[in-house]
Every structure is written in C-alpha cells, then in structure tokens.
Amino acid sequence: MKEILEKLNQEVGIIGSMVITPDGMMVSAALGSGLEEDRVAAIVSSLLVSVRRCLLELKTPGCAGSCILSAAEGKILFFDMGNAFLVVVADKDIKLDAGIVAIRSAIHRIRNRKVA
C-alpha cells in the first residue's frame, strides 16, 4: 500500500497521503518532508471523527463520499474507500481536476491490491 501512496505523491501538488480507518487509526502513510506522521495522523483523525459526528447529528444518511478542507496554505482531501479513508495533503494551488483522477486511480489500486 505504501508504494501506491508514494506513487500518488509524485503527482503535482500532492504533498503526502495516508490511509486511515473510520475511527481514525492510521493504516499506512507516505508523507513528504516537513510533515510529521504522528502530528498529521492526529489532526486528520480528529477532523474525520468530527465530520462523521456532525453528519450523524444532522441526520444525513450514510457518510460523506469525499470531503475537501481548504485552508490558506493547503488542502486536505478525504475519500471514503468503504472500510478505510484515503487522505491526501495537497498544496493550496493543486489543480483538482488532474489530482482527482490520480486519487481515484490510487483508490482503485488500493482496493484491488493483492495482499500476501
């Protein structure tokens, strides 16, 4: 899985990526330099749990398929893969059209990877 994340990180505008469980536990991560794995995992986990709790309180059916959090210095993108979430940390100027194609491809490869 780490190889898939590292390949995704080669896309223009993508700084790092990770897979986390719905309850916020990290499964695998490939983060760029300057990103501390434990710190990013804690922030992302907290955001994911908060978003899911808000959706339940709003009585929205199901879960968000994807979510993009935009800030002044970058973006965090969440994608529901069913049993886990792909989280992508990106530059503020990422071209989302091309980025989403690469992300969807990575999701497909993660879901269909062969585990020894």
PDB file of N, CA and C in Angstrom:
ATOM      1  N   MET A   1       0.830  -1.185   0.000  1.00  0.00           N
ATOM      2  CA  MET A   1       0.000   0.000   0.000  1.00  0.00           C
ATOM      3  C   MET A   1       0.880   1.257   0.000  1.00  0.00           C
ATOM      4  N   LYS A   2       1.983   1.205   0.729  1.00  0.00           N
ATOM      5  CA  LYS A   2       2.869   2.361   0.805  1.00  0.00           C
ATOM      6  C   LYS A   2       3.386   2.753  -0.579  1.00  0.00           C
ATOM      7  N   GLU A   3       3.662   1.772  -1.435  1.00  0.00           N
ATOM      8  CA  GLU A   3       4.132   2.072  -2.786  1.00  0.00           C
ATOM      9  C   GLU A   3       3.075   2.832  -3.583  1.00  0.00           C
ATOM     10  N   ILE A   4       1.819   2.478  -3.395  1.00  0.00           N
ATOM     11  CA  ILE A   4       0.726   3.170  -4.084  1.00  0.00           C
ATOM     12  C   ILE A   4       0.662   4.624  -3.613  1.00  0.00           C
ATOM     13  N   LEU A   5       0.792   4.828  -2.316  1.00  0.00           N
ATOM     14  CA  LEU A   5       0.763   6.187  -1.760  1.00  0.00           C
ATOM     15  C   LEU A   5       1.958   6.997  -2.249  1.00  0.00           C
ATOM     16  N   GLU A   6       3.138   6.376  -2.294  1.00  0.00           N
ATOM     17  CA  GLU A   6       4.328   7.085  -2.769  1.00  0.00           C
ATOM     18  C   GLU A   6       4.188   7.487  -4.235  1.00  0.00           C
ATOM     19  N   LYS A   7       3.579   6.625  -5.045  1.00  0.00           N
ATOM     20  CA  LYS A   7       3.356   6.966  -6.451  1.00  0.00           C
ATOM     21  C   LYS A   7       2.358   8.127  -6.559  1.00  0.00           C
ATOM     22  N   LEU A   8       1.317   8.095  -5.751  1.00  0.00           N
ATOM     23  CA  LEU A   8       0.337   9.182  -5.743  1.00  0.00           C
ATOM     24  C   LEU A   8       1.011  10.506  -5.381  1.00  0.00           C
ATOM     25  N   ASN A   9       1.943  10.464  -4.448  1.00  0.00           N
ATOM     26  CA  ASN A   9       2.630  11.675  -4.000  1.00  0.00           C
ATOM     27  C   ASN A   9       3.501  12.303  -5.082  1.00  0.00           C
ATOM     28  N   GLN A  10       3.765  11.594  -6.156  1.00  0.00           N
ATOM     29  CA  GLN A  10       4.554  12.136  -7.259  1.00  0.00           C
ATOM     30  C   GLN A  10       3.737  13.070  -8.141  1.00  0.00           C
ATOM     31  N   GLU A  11       2.427  13.073  -7.960  1.00  0.00           N
ATOM     32  CA  GLU A  11       1.557  13.966  -8.734  1.00  0.00           C
ATOM     33  C   GLU A  11       1.798  15.415  -8.315  1.00  0.00           C
ATOM     34  N   VAL A  12       1.722  16.305  -9.259  1.00  0.00           N
ATOM     35  CA  VAL A  12       1.933  17.729  -8.990  1.00  0.00           C
ATOM     36  C   VAL A  12       0.906  18.222  -7.975  1.00  0.00           C
ATOM     37  N   GLY A  13       1.393  18.870  -6.935  1.00  0.00           N
ATOM     38  CA  GLY A  13       0.514  19.454  -5.936  1.00  0.00           C
ATOM     39  C   GLY A  13       0.227  18.571  -4.735  1.00  0.00           C
ATOM     40  N   ILE A  14       0.567  17.286  -4.813  1.00  0.00           N
ATOM     41  CA  ILE A  14       0.301  16.385  -3.693  1.00  0.00           C
ATOM     42  C   ILE A  14       1.553  16.293  -2.824  1.00  0.00           C
ATOM     43  N   ILE A  15       1.387  16.580  -1.551  1.00  0.00           N
ATOM     44  CA  ILE A  15       2.493  16.604  -0.596  1.00  0.00           C
ATOM     45  C   ILE A  15       2.635  15.271   0.124  1.00  0.00           C
ATOM     46  N   GLY A  16       1.508  14.650   0.440  1.00  0.00           N
ATOM     47  CA  GLY A  16       1.543  13.390   1.168  1.00  0.00           C
ATOM     48  C   GLY A  16       0.179  12.728   1.153  1.00  0.00           C
ATOM     49  N   SER A  17       0.174  11.457   1.553  1.00  0.00           N
ATOM     50  CA  SER A  17      -1.085  10.719   1.573  1.00  0.00           C
ATOM     51  C   SER A  17      -1.029   9.644   2.653  1.00  0.00           C
ATOM     52  N   MET A  18      -2.203   9.251   3.104  1.00  0.00           N
ATOM     53  CA  MET A  18      -2.287   8.205   4.110  1.00  0.00           C
ATOM     54  C   MET A  18      -3.632   7.505   4.034  1.00  0.00           C
ATOM     55  N   VAL A  19      -3.676   6.304   4.570  1.00  0.00           N
ATOM     56  CA  VAL A  19      -4.913   5.548   4.680  1.00  0.00           C
ATOM     57  C   VAL A  19      -5.199   5.402   6.172  1.00  0.00           C
ATOM     58  N   ILE A  20      -6.429   5.759   6.569  1.00  0.00           N
ATOM     59  CA  ILE A  20      -6.827   5.623   7.961  1.00  0.00           C
ATOM     60  C   ILE A  20      -8.162   4.897   8.050  1.00  0.00           C
ATOM     61  N   THR A  21      -8.404   4.265   9.184  1.00  0.00           N
ATOM     62  CA  THR A  21      -9.666   3.575   9.415  1.00  0.00           C
ATOM     63  C   THR A  21     -10.749   4.598   9.746  1.00  0.00           C
ATOM     64  N   PRO A  22     -12.023   4.202   9.676  1.00  0.00           N
ATOM     65  CA  PRO A  22     -13.100   5.144  10.003  1.00  0.00           C
ATOM     66  C   PRO A  22     -13.019   5.709  11.422  1.00  0.00           C
ATOM     67  N   ASP A  23     -12.380   4.980  12.340  1.00  0.00           N
ATOM     68  CA  ASP A  23     -12.242   5.505  13.697  1.00  0.00           C
ATOM     69  C   ASP A  23     -10.946   6.281  13.896  1.00  0.00           C
ATOM     70  N   GLY A  24     -10.196   6.512  12.798  1.00  0.00           N
ATOM     71  CA  GLY A  24      -9.045   7.389  12.833  1.00  0.00           C
ATOM     72  C   GLY A  24      -7.687   6.745  13.046  1.00  0.00           C
ATOM     73  N   MET A  25      -7.603   5.430  13.014  1.00  0.00           N
ATOM     74  CA  MET A  25      -6.312   4.752  13.173  1.00  0.00           C
ATOM     75  C   MET A  25      -5.579   4.708  11.828  1.00  0.00           C
ATOM     76  N   MET A  26      -4.290   5.048  11.849  1.00  0.00           N
ATOM     77  CA  MET A  26      -3.513   5.051  10.614  1.00  0.00           C
ATOM     78  C   MET A  26      -3.167   3.622  10.205  1.00  0.00           C
ATOM     79  N   VAL A  27      -3.353   3.326   8.916  1.00  0.00           N
ATOM     80  CA  VAL A  27      -3.010   2.032   8.344  1.00  0.00           C
ATOM     81  C   VAL A  27      -1.660   2.125   7.643  1.00  0.00           C
ATOM     82  N   SER A  28      -1.498   3.149   6.812  1.00  0.00           N
ATOM     83  CA  SER A  28      -0.260   3.352   6.063  1.00  0.00           C
ATOM     84  C   SER A  28      -0.144   4.828   5.716  1.00  0.00           C
ATOM     85  N   ALA A  29       1.104   5.300   5.611  1.00  0.00           N
ATOM     86  CA  ALA A  29       1.306   6.708   5.289  1.00  0.00           C
ATOM     87  C   ALA A  29       2.572   6.890   4.464  1.00  0.00           C
ATOM     88  N   ALA A  30       2.518   7.879   3.582  1.00  0.00           N
ATOM     89  CA  ALA A  30       3.684   8.324   2.812  1.00  0.00           C
ATOM     90  C   ALA A  30       3.582   9.845   2.773  1.00  0.00           C
ATOM     91  N   LEU A  31       4.275  10.470   3.702  1.00  0.00           N
ATOM     92  CA  LEU A  31       4.180  11.921   3.824  1.00  0.00           C
ATOM     93  C   LEU A  31       5.477  12.569   3.372  1.00  0.00           C
ATOM     94  N   GLY A  32       5.351  13.731   2.768  1.00  0.00           N
ATOM     95  CA  GLY A  32       6.502  14.461   2.282  1.00  0.00           C
ATOM     96  C   GLY A  32       7.332  15.028   3.421  1.00  0.00           C
ATOM     97  N   SER A  33       8.499  15.526   3.067  1.00  0.00           N
ATOM     98  CA  SER A  33       9.370  16.115   4.078  1.00  0.00           C
ATOM     99  C   SER A  33       8.673  17.309   4.710  1.00  0.00           C
ATOM    100  N   GLY A  34       8.925  17.501   5.978  1.00  0.00           N
ATOM    101  CA  GLY A  34       8.299  18.597   6.692  1.00  0.00           C
ATOM    102  C   GLY A  34       6.969  18.239   7.322  1.00  0.00           C
ATOM    103  N   LEU A  35       6.441  17.049   7.007  1.00  0.00           N
ATOM    104  CA  LEU A  35       5.186  16.607   7.617  1.00  0.00           C
ATOM    105  C   LEU A  35       5.493  15.493   8.610  1.00  0.00           C
ATOM    106  N   GLU A  36       5.162  15.734   9.868  1.00  0.00           N
ATOM    107  CA  GLU A  36       5.382  14.738  10.901  1.00  0.00           C
ATOM    108  C   GLU A  36       4.214  13.755  10.901  1.00  0.00           C
ATOM    109  N   GLU A  37       4.528  12.490  10.704  1.00  0.00           N
ATOM    110  CA  GLU A  37       3.495  11.455  10.550  1.00  0.00           C
ATOM    111  C   GLU A  37       2.521  11.436  11.731  1.00  0.00           C
ATOM    112  N   ASP A  38       3.025  11.445  12.950  1.00  0.00           N
ATOM    113  CA  ASP A  38       2.151  11.378  14.126  1.00  0.00           C
ATOM    114  C   ASP A  38       1.249  12.608  14.228  1.00  0.00           C
ATOM    115  N   ARG A  39       1.805  13.772  13.942  1.00  0.00           N
ATOM    116  CA  ARG A  39       1.029  15.005  14.037  1.00  0.00           C
ATOM    117  C   ARG A  39      -0.070  15.052  12.967  1.00  0.00           C
ATOM    118  N   VAL A  40       0.298  14.713  11.730  1.00  0.00           N
ATOM    119  CA  VAL A  40      -0.699  14.717  10.647  1.00  0.00           C
ATOM    120  C   VAL A  40      -1.776  13.677  10.929  1.00  0.00           C
ATOM    121  N   ALA A  41      -1.386  12.496  11.385  1.00  0.00           N
ATOM    122  CA  ALA A  41      -2.363  11.446  11.698  1.00  0.00           C
ATOM    123  C   ALA A  41      -3.337  11.912  12.782  1.00  0.00           C
ATOM    124  N   ALA A  42      -2.830  12.591  13.803  1.00  0.00           N
ATOM    125  CA  ALA A  42      -3.699  13.075  14.880  1.00  0.00           C
ATOM    126  C   ALA A  42      -4.688  14.120  14.375  1.00  0.00           C
ATOM    127  N   ILE A  43      -4.204  15.055  13.564  1.00  0.00           N
ATOM    128  CA  ILE A  43      -5.074  16.107  13.024  1.00  0.00           C
ATOM    129  C   ILE A  43      -6.138  15.508  12.107  1.00  0.00           C
ATOM    130  N   VAL A  44      -5.698  14.655  11.205  1.00  0.00           N
ATOM    131  CA  VAL A  44      -6.611  14.046  10.231  1.00  0.00           C
ATOM    132  C   VAL A  44      -7.646  13.176  10.938  1.00  0.00           C
ATOM    133  N   SER A  45      -7.205  12.411  11.914  1.00  0.00           N
ATOM    134  CA  SER A  45      -8.113  11.557  12.677  1.00  0.00           C
ATOM    135  C   SER A  45      -9.177  12.397  13.371  1.00  0.00           C
ATOM    136  N   SER A  46      -8.759  13.464  14.013  1.00  0.00           N
ATOM    137  CA  SER A  46      -9.694  14.347  14.702  1.00  0.00           C
ATOM    138  C   SER A  46     -10.700  14.965  13.734  1.00  0.00           C
ATOM    139  N   LEU A  47     -10.209  15.426  12.581  1.00  0.00           N
ATOM    140  CA  LEU A  47     -11.101  16.014  11.573  1.00  0.00           C
ATOM    141  C   LEU A  47     -12.118  14.991  11.069  1.00  0.00           C
ATOM    142  N   LEU A  48     -11.641  13.796  10.775  1.00  0.00           N
ATOM    143  CA  LEU A  48     -12.526  12.763  10.239  1.00  0.00           C
ATOM    144  C   LEU A  48     -13.605  12.394  11.250  1.00  0.00           C
ATOM    145  N   VAL A  49     -13.212  12.169  12.484  1.00  0.00           N
ATOM    146  CA  VAL A  49     -14.183  11.807  13.521  1.00  0.00           C
ATOM    147  C   VAL A  49     -15.190  12.938  13.705  1.00  0.00           C
ATOM    148  N   SER A  50     -14.740  14.188  13.693  1.00  0.00           N
ATOM    149  CA  SER A  50     -15.635  15.338  13.865  1.00  0.00           C
ATOM    150  C   SER A  50     -16.621  15.464  12.712  1.00  0.00           C
ATOM    151  N   VAL A  51     -16.144  15.306  11.491  1.00  0.00           N
ATOM    152  CA  VAL A  51     -17.029  15.399  10.321  1.00  0.00           C
ATOM    153  C   VAL A  51     -18.080  14.291  10.373  1.00  0.00           C
ATOM    154  N   ARG A  52     -17.656  13.083  10.686  1.00  0.00           N
ATOM    155  CA  ARG A  52     -18.607  11.967  10.749  1.00  0.00           C
ATOM    156  C   ARG A  52     -19.642  12.192  11.852  1.00  0.00           C
ATOM    157  N   ARG A  53     -19.218  12.728  13.002  1.00  0.00           N
ATOM    158  CA  ARG A  53     -20.136  13.000  14.107  1.00  0.00           C
ATOM    159  C   ARG A  53     -21.150  14.076  13.685  1.00  0.00           C
ATOM    160  N   CYS A  54     -20.682  15.122  13.019  1.00  0.00           N
ATOM    161  CA  CYS A  54     -21.581  16.182  12.549  1.00  0.00           C
ATOM    162  C   CYS A  54     -22.615  15.635  11.572  1.00  0.00           C
ATOM    163  N   LEU A  55     -22.178  14.773  10.660  1.00  0.00           N
ATOM    164  CA  LEU A  55     -23.112  14.195   9.696  1.00  0.00           C
ATOM    165  C   LEU A  55     -24.190  13.365  10.406  1.00  0.00           C
ATOM    166  N   LEU A  56     -23.786  12.630  11.443  1.00  0.00           N
ATOM    167  CA  LEU A  56     -24.769  11.848  12.207  1.00  0.00           C
ATOM    168  C   LEU A  56     -25.746  12.765  12.937  1.00  0.00           C
ATOM    169  N   GLU A  57     -25.242  13.834  13.536  1.00  0.00           N
ATOM    170  CA  GLU A  57     -26.107  14.765  14.256  1.00  0.00           C
ATOM    171  C   GLU A  57     -27.075  15.482  13.322  1.00  0.00           C
ATOM    172  N   LEU A  58     -26.644  15.715  12.089  1.00  0.00           N
ATOM    173  CA  LEU A  58     -27.515  16.355  11.100  1.00  0.00           C
ATOM    174  C   LEU A  58     -28.485  15.360  10.479  1.00  0.00           C
ATOM    175  N   LYS A  59     -28.348  14.098  10.898  1.00  0.00           N
ATOM    176  CA  LYS A  59     -29.204  13.012  10.409  1.00  0.00           C
ATOM    177  C   LYS A  59     -29.118  12.844   8.898  1.00  0.00           C
ATOM    178  N   THR A  60     -27.901  13.031   8.371  1.00  0.00           N
ATOM    179  CA  THR A  60     -27.690  12.796   6.947  1.00  0.00           C
ATOM    180  C   THR A  60     -27.451  11.305   6.756  1.00  0.00           C
ATOM    181  N   PRO A  61     -28.092  10.716   5.772  1.00  0.00           N
ATOM    182  CA  PRO A  61     -27.925   9.278   5.573  1.00  0.00           C
ATOM    183  C   PRO A  61     -26.523   8.939   5.088  1.00  0.00           C
ATOM    184  N   GLY A  62     -25.983   7.883   5.625  1.00  0.00           N
ATOM    185  CA  GLY A  62     -24.684   7.406   5.163  1.00  0.00           C
ATOM    186  C   GLY A  62     -23.557   8.308   5.603  1.00  0.00           C
ATOM    187  N   CYS A  63     -22.497   8.281   4.833  1.00  0.00           N
ATOM    188  CA  CYS A  63     -21.283   9.022   5.159  1.00  0.00           C
ATOM    189  C   CYS A  63     -20.873   9.829   3.938  1.00  0.00           C
ATOM    190  N   ALA A  64     -20.078  10.839   4.175  1.00  0.00           N
ATOM    191  CA  ALA A  64     -19.583  11.650   3.062  1.00  0.00           C
ATOM    192  C   ALA A  64     -18.676  10.793   2.186  1.00  0.00           C
ATOM    193  N   GLY A  65     -18.883  10.803   0.884  1.00  0.00           N
ATOM    194  CA  GLY A  65     -18.025  10.072  -0.033  1.00  0.00           C
ATOM    195  C   GLY A  65     -16.665  10.719  -0.152  1.00  0.00           C
ATOM    196  N   SER A  66     -16.660  12.044  -0.114  1.00  0.00           N
ATOM    197  CA  SER A  66     -15.396  12.781  -0.141  1.00  0.00           C
ATOM    198  C   SER A  66     -15.622  14.139   0.508  1.00  0.00           C
ATOM    199  N   CYS A  67     -14.513  14.705   0.953  1.00  0.00           N
ATOM    200  CA  CYS A  67     -14.574  15.994   1.626  1.00  0.00           C
ATOM    201  C   CYS A  67     -13.261  16.714   1.356  1.00  0.00           C
ATOM    202  N   ILE A  68     -13.336  17.991   1.041  1.00  0.00           N
ATOM    203  CA  ILE A  68     -12.136  18.785   0.812  1.00  0.00           C
ATOM    204  C   ILE A  68     -12.132  19.931   1.809  1.00  0.00           C
ATOM    205  N   LEU A  69     -11.075  19.986   2.600  1.00  0.00           N
ATOM    206  CA  LEU A  69     -10.886  21.067   3.556  1.00  0.00           C
ATOM    207  C   LEU A  69      -9.825  21.989   2.981  1.00  0.00           C
ATOM    208  N   SER A  70     -10.211  23.218   2.685  1.00  0.00           N
ATOM    209  CA  SER A  70      -9.278  24.189   2.110  1.00  0.00           C
ATOM    210  C   SER A  70      -8.860  25.195   3.164  1.00  0.00           C
ATOM    211  N   ALA A  71      -7.560  25.437   3.239  1.00  0.00           N
ATOM    212  CA  ALA A  71      -7.016  26.427   4.160  1.00  0.00           C
ATOM    213  C   ALA A  71      -6.095  27.355   3.373  1.00  0.00           C
ATOM    214  N   ALA A  72      -5.589  28.373   4.017  1.00  0.00           N
ATOM    215  CA  ALA A  72      -4.750  29.360   3.341  1.00  0.00           C
ATOM    216  C   ALA A  72      -3.496  28.744   2.749  1.00  0.00           C
ATOM    217  N   GLU A  73      -2.923  27.754   3.397  1.00  0.00           N
ATOM    218  CA  GLU A  73      -1.654  27.185   2.946  1.00  0.00           C
ATOM    219  C   GLU A  73      -1.768  25.819   2.281  1.00  0.00           C
ATOM    220  N   GLY A  74      -2.966  25.245   2.197  1.00  0.00           N
ATOM    221  CA  GLY A  74      -3.084  23.941   1.556  1.00  0.00           C
ATOM    222  C   GLY A  74      -4.464  23.337   1.687  1.00  0.00           C
ATOM    223  N   LYS A  75      -4.568  22.090   1.293  1.00  0.00           N
ATOM    224  CA  LYS A  75      -5.839  21.380   1.313  1.00  0.00           C
ATOM    225  C   LYS A  75      -5.629  19.994   1.915  1.00  0.00           C
ATOM    226  N   ILE A  76      -6.674  19.483   2.572  1.00  0.00           N
ATOM    227  CA  ILE A  76      -6.709  18.092   2.998  1.00  0.00           C
ATOM    228  C   ILE A  76      -7.951  17.493   2.357  1.00  0.00           C
ATOM    229  N   LEU A  77      -7.757  16.407   1.629  1.00  0.00           N
ATOM    230  CA  LEU A  77      -8.843  15.757   0.903  1.00  0.00           C
ATOM    231  C   LEU A  77      -9.089  14.386   1.513  1.00  0.00           C
ATOM    232  N   PHE A  78     -10.344  14.076   1.814  1.00  0.00           N
ATOM    233  CA  PHE A  78     -10.743  12.790   2.379  1.00  0.00           C
ATOM    234  C   PHE A  78     -11.588  12.039   1.350  1.00  0.00           C
ATOM    235  N   PHE A  79     -11.298  10.756   1.176  1.00  0.00           N
ATOM    236  CA  PHE A  79     -12.069   9.927   0.246  1.00  0.00           C
ATOM    237  C   PHE A  79     -12.435   8.619   0.926  1.00  0.00           C
ATOM    238  N   ASP A  80     -13.734   8.345   1.026  1.00  0.00           N
ATOM    239  CA  ASP A  80     -14.222   7.115   1.647  1.00  0.00           C
ATOM    240  C   ASP A  80     -13.985   5.948   0.705  1.00  0.00           C
ATOM    241  N   MET A  81     -13.262   4.938   1.182  1.00  0.00           N
ATOM    242  CA  MET A  81     -12.999   3.733   0.387  1.00  0.00           C
ATOM    243  C   MET A  81     -13.818   2.551   0.910  1.00  0.00           C
ATOM    244  N   GLY A  82     -14.804   2.808   1.744  1.00  0.00           N
ATOM    245  CA  GLY A  82     -15.618   1.736   2.291  1.00  0.00           C
ATOM    246  C   GLY A  82     -15.142   1.334   3.678  1.00  0.00           C
ATOM    247  N   ASN A  83     -14.041   0.616   3.750  1.00  0.00           N
ATOM    248  CA  ASN A  83     -13.531   0.163   5.044  1.00  0.00           C
ATOM    249  C   ASN A  83     -12.398   1.051   5.569  1.00  0.00           C
ATOM    250  N   ALA A  84     -12.036   2.072   4.825  1.00  0.00           N
ATOM    251  CA  ALA A  84     -10.970   2.999   5.211  1.00  0.00           C
ATOM    252  C   ALA A  84     -11.119   4.289   4.411  1.00  0.00           C
ATOM    253  N   PHE A  85     -10.319   5.283   4.779  1.00  0.00           N
ATOM    254  CA  PHE A  85     -10.312   6.553   4.072  1.00  0.00           C
ATOM    255  C   PHE A  85      -8.918   6.823   3.516  1.00  0.00           C
ATOM    256  N   LEU A  86      -8.877   7.315   2.281  1.00  0.00           N
ATOM    257  CA  LEU A  86      -7.637   7.840   1.724  1.00  0.00           C
ATOM    258  C   LEU A  86      -7.637   9.331   2.033  1.00  0.00           C
ATOM    259  N   VAL A  87      -6.559   9.793   2.639  1.00  0.00           N
ATOM    260  CA  VAL A  87      -6.415  11.207   2.980  1.00  0.00           C
ATOM    261  C   VAL A  87      -5.217  11.744   2.214  1.00  0.00           C
ATOM    262  N   VAL A  88      -5.419  12.863   1.535  1.00  0.00           N
ATOM    263  CA  VAL A  88      -4.368  13.465   0.724  1.00  0.00           C
ATOM    264  C   VAL A  88      -4.115  14.882   1.227  1.00  0.00           C
ATOM    265  N   VAL A  89      -2.855  15.188   1.477  1.00  0.00           N
ATOM    266  CA  VAL A  89      -2.439  16.542   1.852  1.00  0.00           C
ATOM    267  C   VAL A  89      -1.878  17.172   0.576  1.00  0.00           C
ATOM    268  N   ALA A  90      -2.403  18.345   0.229  1.00  0.00           N
ATOM    269  CA  ALA A  90      -2.036  18.959  -1.053  1.00  0.00           C
ATOM    270  C   ALA A  90      -1.692  20.433  -0.888  1.00  0.00           C
ATOM    271  N   ASP A  91      -0.967  20.945  -1.888  1.00  0.00           N
ATOM    272  CA  ASP A  91      -0.678  22.381  -1.961  1.00  0.00           C
ATOM    273  C   ASP A  91      -1.978  23.151  -2.107  1.00  0.00           C
ATOM    274  N   LYS A  92      -1.946  24.418  -1.738  1.00  0.00           N
ATOM    275  CA  LYS A  92      -3.131  25.259  -1.893  1.00  0.00           C
ATOM    276  C   LYS A  92      -3.493  25.462  -3.357  1.00  0.00           C
ATOM    277  N   ASP A  93      -2.516  25.338  -4.263  1.00  0.00           N
ATOM    278  CA  ASP A  93      -2.748  25.602  -5.683  1.00  0.00           C
ATOM    279  C   ASP A  93      -2.938  24.340  -6.524  1.00  0.00           C
ATOM    280  N   ILE A  94      -3.204  23.205  -5.902  1.00  0.00           N
ATOM    281  CA  ILE A  94      -3.357  21.965  -6.658  1.00  0.00           C
ATOM    282  C   ILE A  94      -4.485  22.103  -7.681  1.00  0.00           C
ATOM    283  N   LYS A  95      -4.255  21.570  -8.854  1.00  0.00           N
ATOM    284  CA  LYS A  95      -5.293  21.513  -9.885  1.00  0.00           C
ATOM    285  C   LYS A  95      -6.131  20.267  -9.598  1.00  0.00           C
ATOM    286  N   LEU A  96      -7.311  20.470  -9.040  1.00  0.00           N
ATOM    287  CA  LEU A  96      -8.099  19.344  -8.559  1.00  0.00           C
ATOM    288  C   LEU A  96      -8.550  18.402  -9.667  1.00  0.00           C
ATOM    289  N   ASP A  97      -8.737  18.894 -10.895  1.00  0.00           N
ATOM    290  CA  ASP A  97      -9.171  18.009 -11.978  1.00  0.00           C
ATOM    291  C   ASP A  97      -8.191  16.852 -12.167  1.00  0.00           C
ATOM    292  N   ALA A  98      -6.933  17.176 -12.361  1.00  0.00           N
ATOM    293  CA  ALA A  98      -5.916  16.149 -12.571  1.00  0.00           C
ATOM    294  C   ALA A  98      -5.656  15.384 -11.274  1.00  0.00           C
ATOM    295  N   GLY A  99      -5.676  16.077 -10.160  1.00  0.00           N
ATOM    296  CA  GLY A  99      -5.432  15.426  -8.878  1.00  0.00           C
ATOM    297  C   GLY A  99      -6.469  14.376  -8.547  1.00  0.00           C
ATOM    298  N   ILE A 100      -7.735  14.678  -8.818  1.00  0.00           N
ATOM    299  CA  ILE A 100      -8.813  13.724  -8.518  1.00  0.00           C
ATOM    300  C   ILE A 100      -8.668  12.462  -9.357  1.00  0.00           C
ATOM    301  N   VAL A 101      -8.268  12.609 -10.605  1.00  0.00           N
ATOM    302  CA  VAL A 101      -8.060  11.427 -11.465  1.00  0.00           C
ATOM    303  C   VAL A 101      -6.989  10.529 -10.858  1.00  0.00           C
ATOM    304  N   ALA A 102      -5.877  11.113 -10.433  1.00  0.00           N
ATOM    305  CA  ALA A 102      -4.790  10.339  -9.826  1.00  0.00           C
ATOM    306  C   ALA A 102      -5.242   9.710  -8.510  1.00  0.00           C
ATOM    307  N   ILE A 103      -6.015  10.441  -7.734  1.00  0.00           N
ATOM    308  CA  ILE A 103      -6.504   9.933  -6.455  1.00  0.00           C
ATOM    309  C   ILE A 103      -7.465   8.770  -6.672  1.00  0.00           C
ATOM    310  N   ARG A 104      -8.385   8.915  -7.605  1.00  0.00           N
ATOM    311  CA  ARG A 104      -9.336   7.813  -7.896  1.00  0.00           C
ATOM    312  C   ARG A 104      -8.585   6.566  -8.370  1.00  0.00           C
ATOM    313  N   SER A 105      -7.537   6.769  -9.158  1.00  0.00           N
ATOM    314  CA  SER A 105      -6.715   5.649  -9.612  1.00  0.00           C
ATOM    315  C   SER A 105      -6.027   4.964  -8.427  1.00  0.00           C
ATOM    316  N   ALA A 106      -5.507   5.756  -7.498  1.00  0.00           N
ATOM    317  CA  ALA A 106      -4.869   5.193  -6.305  1.00  0.00           C
ATOM    318  C   ALA A 106      -5.882   4.420  -5.464  1.00  0.00           C
ATOM    319  N   ILE A 107      -7.084   4.953  -5.325  1.00  0.00           N
ATOM    320  CA  ILE A 107      -8.138   4.253  -4.576  1.00  0.00           C
ATOM    321  C   ILE A 107      -8.417   2.901  -5.218  1.00  0.00           C
ATOM    322  N   HIS A 108      -8.531   2.879  -6.528  1.00  0.00           N
ATOM    323  CA  HIS A 108      -8.777   1.622  -7.249  1.00  0.00           C
ATOM    324  C   HIS A 108      -7.648   0.622  -6.983  1.00  0.00           C
ATOM    325  N   ARG A 109      -6.401   1.092  -7.053  1.00  0.00           N
ATOM    326  CA  ARG A 109      -5.258   0.198  -6.826  1.00  0.00           C
ATOM    327  C   ARG A 109      -5.208  -0.298  -5.380  1.00  0.00           C
ATOM    328  N   ILE A 110      -5.544   0.560  -4.422  1.00  0.00           N
ATOM    329  CA  ILE A 110      -5.559   0.143  -3.015  1.00  0.00           C
ATOM    330  C   ILE A 110      -6.628  -0.917  -2.795  1.00  0.00           C
ATOM    331  N   ARG A 111      -7.807  -0.695  -3.313  1.00  0.00           N
ATOM    332  CA  ARG A 111      -8.901  -1.660  -3.139  1.00  0.00           C
ATOM    333  C   ARG A 111      -8.597  -3.005  -3.778  1.00  0.00           C
ATOM    334  N   ASN A 112      -7.878  -2.988  -4.886  1.00  0.00           N
ATOM    335  CA  ASN A 112      -7.650  -4.224  -5.654  1.00  0.00           C
ATOM    336  C   ASN A 112      -6.260  -4.813  -5.491  1.00  0.00           C
ATOM    337  N   ARG A 113      -5.485  -4.328  -4.518  1.00  0.00           N
ATOM    338  CA  ARG A 113      -4.135  -4.839  -4.344  1.00  0.00           C
ATOM    339  C   ARG A 113      -4.186  -6.259  -3.805  1.00  0.00           C
ATOM    340  N   LYS A 114      -3.170  -7.006  -4.141  1.00  0.00           N
ATOM    341  CA  LYS A 114      -3.040  -8.369  -3.647  1.00  0.00           C
ATOM    342  C   LYS A 114      -2.231  -8.329  -2.361  1.00  0.00           C
ATOM    343  N   VAL A 115      -2.762  -8.918  -1.314  1.00  0.00           N
ATOM    344  CA  VAL A 115      -2.072  -8.951  -0.026  1.00  0.00           C
ATOM    345  C   VAL A 115      -1.533 -10.360   0.188  1.00  0.00           C
ATOM    346  N   ALA A 116      -0.230 -10.436   0.486  1.00  0.00           N
ATOM    347  CA  ALA A 116       0.405 -11.747   0.671  1.00  0.00           C
ATOM    348  C   ALA A 116       0.102 -12.318   2.025  1.00  0.00           C
TER     349      ALA A 116
END
